[in-house]
Each structure stands twice: as structure tokens, then as C-alpha cells.
């Protein structure tokens, strides 16, 4: 029996990245200059905000952008 790999929701991906960096959602939002609404499963960040999130959380831009697009 094979387990199917599931893609984590984008917001979960960002929350996990925050935890890995020891930052709260509020701290990241403040550093990026956005509200905490990016944490919602129904919200996709604009390109410049996505870039800032990747820089702040040290995430790969291409993979993060693809995950956001496939949400």
C-alpha cells in the first residue's frame, strides 16, 4: 500500500515556516508590512508581499509562488 503525498495548504506552509524561524504570525506580518490576513486559506499575497514573506521566512521563492498559485 502506498501513501499519497498531500500538498499542505499555503497558510499552513507559512505558519510552519514562522514556527521554524521562531517568529509569530504577528511578527512576520509586521516585518513584511501586511495584516495577519495572509494566514487565511482564502487569501493569496500579492507578488511583492510574497517576495517579502519569502525573504523574511527564508523560503524558496519559486516553490512558494507555485504553492500559492495552486491553492
N, C-alpha and C. Protein backbone atom coordinates (compact mmCIF):
# COMPACT_ATOMS: atom_id res chain seq x y z
N UNK A 1 0.83 -1.17 0.00
CA UNK A 1 0.00 0.00 0.00
C UNK A 1 0.89 1.24 0.00
N UNK A 2 0.57 2.21 -0.84
CA UNK A 2 1.35 3.43 -0.95
C UNK A 2 0.57 4.60 -0.35
N UNK A 3 1.29 5.44 0.36
CA UNK A 3 0.66 6.64 0.90
C UNK A 3 0.75 7.74 -0.14
N UNK A 4 -0.32 8.45 -0.34
CA UNK A 4 -0.31 9.56 -1.28
C UNK A 4 0.22 10.79 -0.58
N UNK A 5 1.12 11.46 -1.23
CA UNK A 5 1.65 12.71 -0.67
C UNK A 5 0.61 13.80 -0.86
N UNK A 6 0.33 14.51 0.18
CA UNK A 6 -0.62 15.61 0.05
C UNK A 6 0.12 16.93 0.18
N UNK A 7 -0.33 17.91 -0.57
CA UNK A 7 0.28 19.23 -0.55
C UNK A 7 -0.34 20.02 0.59
N UNK A 8 0.48 20.56 1.48
CA UNK A 8 -0.10 21.33 2.59
C UNK A 8 -0.73 22.61 2.07
N UNK A 9 -1.75 23.05 2.75
CA UNK A 9 -2.37 24.32 2.39
C UNK A 9 -1.32 25.42 2.54
N UNK A 10 -1.45 26.44 1.73
CA UNK A 10 -0.46 27.51 1.71
C UNK A 10 -0.33 28.18 3.07
N UNK A 11 -1.45 28.45 3.72
CA UNK A 11 -1.40 29.11 5.02
C UNK A 11 -0.67 28.24 6.05
N UNK A 12 -0.87 26.94 5.98
CA UNK A 12 -0.18 26.02 6.90
C UNK A 12 1.33 26.05 6.64
N UNK A 13 1.69 26.10 5.37
CA UNK A 13 3.09 26.19 4.95
C UNK A 13 3.75 27.42 5.57
N UNK A 14 3.03 28.56 5.50
CA UNK A 14 3.56 29.80 6.08
C UNK A 14 3.63 29.74 7.60
N UNK A 15 2.61 29.19 8.23
CA UNK A 15 2.63 29.06 9.71
C UNK A 15 3.79 28.18 10.16
N UNK A 16 4.00 27.08 9.45
CA UNK A 16 5.12 26.19 9.79
C UNK A 16 6.46 26.90 9.61
N UNK A 17 6.57 27.71 8.56
CA UNK A 17 7.81 28.47 8.34
C UNK A 17 8.03 29.46 9.47
N UNK A 18 6.96 30.09 9.94
CA UNK A 18 7.06 31.01 11.09
C UNK A 18 7.59 30.28 12.31
N UNK A 19 7.00 29.13 12.59
CA UNK A 19 7.43 28.34 13.76
C UNK A 19 8.89 27.93 13.63
N UNK A 20 9.29 27.52 12.44
CA UNK A 20 10.68 27.10 12.22
C UNK A 20 11.66 28.24 12.45
N UNK A 21 11.24 29.47 12.20
CA UNK A 21 12.09 30.64 12.41
C UNK A 21 11.91 31.24 13.79
N UNK A 22 11.00 30.69 14.58
CA UNK A 22 10.77 31.21 15.93
C UNK A 22 10.06 32.56 15.92
N UNK A 23 9.26 32.80 14.89
CA UNK A 23 8.54 34.06 14.77
C UNK A 23 7.04 33.83 14.87
N UNK A 24 6.34 34.78 15.43
CA UNK A 24 4.88 34.70 15.46
C UNK A 24 4.34 35.23 14.14
N UNK A 25 3.08 34.91 13.85
CA UNK A 25 2.43 35.42 12.66
C UNK A 25 2.42 36.95 12.69
N UNK A 26 2.17 37.52 13.87
CA UNK A 26 2.14 38.98 14.02
C UNK A 26 3.51 39.59 13.73
N UNK A 27 4.57 38.96 14.18
CA UNK A 27 5.92 39.47 13.93
C UNK A 27 6.24 39.47 12.44
N UNK A 28 5.89 38.39 11.77
CA UNK A 28 6.16 38.29 10.33
C UNK A 28 5.32 39.33 9.58
N UNK A 29 4.06 39.45 9.94
CA UNK A 29 3.19 40.43 9.29
C UNK A 29 3.75 41.84 9.45
N UNK A 30 4.24 42.14 10.64
CA UNK A 30 4.83 43.47 10.88
C UNK A 30 6.08 43.68 10.04
N UNK A 31 6.95 42.68 9.97
CA UNK A 31 8.18 42.80 9.19
C UNK A 31 7.90 42.96 7.70
N UNK A 32 6.86 42.27 7.22
CA UNK A 32 6.51 42.32 5.81
C UNK A 32 5.69 43.57 5.49
N UNK A 33 4.99 44.08 6.50
CA UNK A 33 4.15 45.26 6.29
C UNK A 33 2.76 44.93 5.81
N UNK A 34 2.23 43.79 6.25
CA UNK A 34 0.88 43.37 5.87
C UNK A 34 0.08 43.03 7.12
N UNK A 35 -1.22 42.82 6.92
CA UNK A 35 -2.06 42.38 8.04
C UNK A 35 -1.86 40.88 8.22
N UNK A 36 -2.43 40.34 9.26
CA UNK A 36 -2.32 38.91 9.50
C UNK A 36 -3.27 38.11 8.62
N UNK A 37 -4.01 38.77 7.73
CA UNK A 37 -4.95 38.09 6.85
C UNK A 37 -4.27 37.09 5.92
N UNK A 38 -2.98 37.26 5.66
CA UNK A 38 -2.29 36.31 4.78
C UNK A 38 -2.32 34.90 5.35
N UNK A 39 -2.62 34.79 6.62
CA UNK A 39 -2.66 33.48 7.26
C UNK A 39 -3.90 32.69 6.85
N UNK A 40 -4.88 33.33 6.27
CA UNK A 40 -6.12 32.70 5.88
C UNK A 40 -5.93 31.80 4.66
N UNK A 41 -6.68 30.70 4.61
CA UNK A 41 -6.63 29.81 3.45
C UNK A 41 -7.26 30.44 2.22
N UNK A 42 -7.99 31.54 2.40
CA UNK A 42 -8.70 32.16 1.28
C UNK A 42 -7.97 33.39 0.75
N UNK A 43 -6.79 33.63 1.22
CA UNK A 43 -6.06 34.85 0.85
C UNK A 43 -4.74 34.47 0.20
N UNK A 44 -4.46 35.10 -0.94
CA UNK A 44 -3.17 34.92 -1.60
C UNK A 44 -2.44 36.25 -1.58
N UNK A 45 -1.18 36.25 -1.17
CA UNK A 45 -0.44 37.52 -1.13
C UNK A 45 -0.10 38.01 -2.54
N UNK A 46 -0.05 39.32 -2.69
CA UNK A 46 0.41 39.91 -3.95
C UNK A 46 1.88 39.57 -4.14
N UNK A 47 2.36 39.71 -5.35
CA UNK A 47 3.73 39.32 -5.70
C UNK A 47 4.78 39.97 -4.80
N UNK A 48 4.66 41.27 -4.56
CA UNK A 48 5.66 41.94 -3.72
C UNK A 48 5.59 41.48 -2.27
N UNK A 49 4.39 41.16 -1.80
CA UNK A 49 4.26 40.64 -0.43
C UNK A 49 4.78 39.22 -0.33
N UNK A 50 4.56 38.44 -1.37
CA UNK A 50 5.07 37.07 -1.38
C UNK A 50 6.59 37.08 -1.34
N UNK A 51 7.19 37.97 -2.12
CA UNK A 51 8.66 38.11 -2.11
C UNK A 51 9.15 38.46 -0.71
N UNK A 52 8.47 39.39 -0.05
CA UNK A 52 8.86 39.81 1.30
C UNK A 52 8.67 38.68 2.30
N UNK A 53 7.60 37.90 2.16
CA UNK A 53 7.40 36.75 3.04
C UNK A 53 8.53 35.74 2.87
N UNK A 54 8.89 35.47 1.62
CA UNK A 54 9.97 34.51 1.35
C UNK A 54 11.29 35.00 1.93
N UNK A 55 11.55 36.29 1.79
CA UNK A 55 12.79 36.85 2.32
C UNK A 55 12.80 36.77 3.86
N UNK A 56 11.69 37.14 4.48
CA UNK A 56 11.60 37.13 5.94
C UNK A 56 11.68 35.72 6.51
N UNK A 57 11.00 34.78 5.85
CA UNK A 57 10.94 33.41 6.37
C UNK A 57 12.01 32.51 5.76
N UNK A 58 12.83 33.06 4.87
CA UNK A 58 13.90 32.31 4.19
C UNK A 58 13.33 31.08 3.46
N UNK A 59 12.33 31.36 2.63
CA UNK A 59 11.67 30.32 1.85
C UNK A 59 12.08 30.45 0.39
N UNK A 60 12.09 29.33 -0.35
CA UNK A 60 12.41 29.40 -1.77
C UNK A 60 11.28 30.11 -2.53
N UNK A 61 11.61 31.14 -3.29
CA UNK A 61 10.61 31.97 -3.94
C UNK A 61 9.80 31.17 -4.96
N UNK A 62 10.45 30.46 -5.84
CA UNK A 62 9.75 29.73 -6.91
C UNK A 62 8.77 28.71 -6.33
N UNK A 63 9.21 27.88 -5.42
CA UNK A 63 8.34 26.85 -4.84
C UNK A 63 7.19 27.48 -4.06
N UNK A 64 7.46 28.56 -3.35
CA UNK A 64 6.42 29.24 -2.58
C UNK A 64 5.40 29.88 -3.51
N UNK A 65 5.87 30.49 -4.60
CA UNK A 65 4.97 31.10 -5.57
C UNK A 65 4.08 30.05 -6.22
N UNK A 66 4.65 28.90 -6.55
CA UNK A 66 3.88 27.82 -7.16
C UNK A 66 2.83 27.29 -6.18
N UNK A 67 3.21 27.16 -4.92
CA UNK A 67 2.25 26.68 -3.93
C UNK A 67 1.10 27.67 -3.77
N UNK A 68 1.41 28.95 -3.75
CA UNK A 68 0.37 29.98 -3.62
C UNK A 68 -0.56 29.94 -4.83
N UNK A 69 -0.01 29.73 -6.01
CA UNK A 69 -0.81 29.70 -7.24
C UNK A 69 -1.72 28.48 -7.29
N UNK A 70 -1.29 27.38 -6.72
CA UNK A 70 -2.06 26.14 -6.76
C UNK A 70 -3.03 26.00 -5.60
N UNK A 71 -3.14 27.01 -4.81
CA UNK A 71 -4.00 27.00 -3.64
C UNK A 71 -5.43 26.81 -4.04
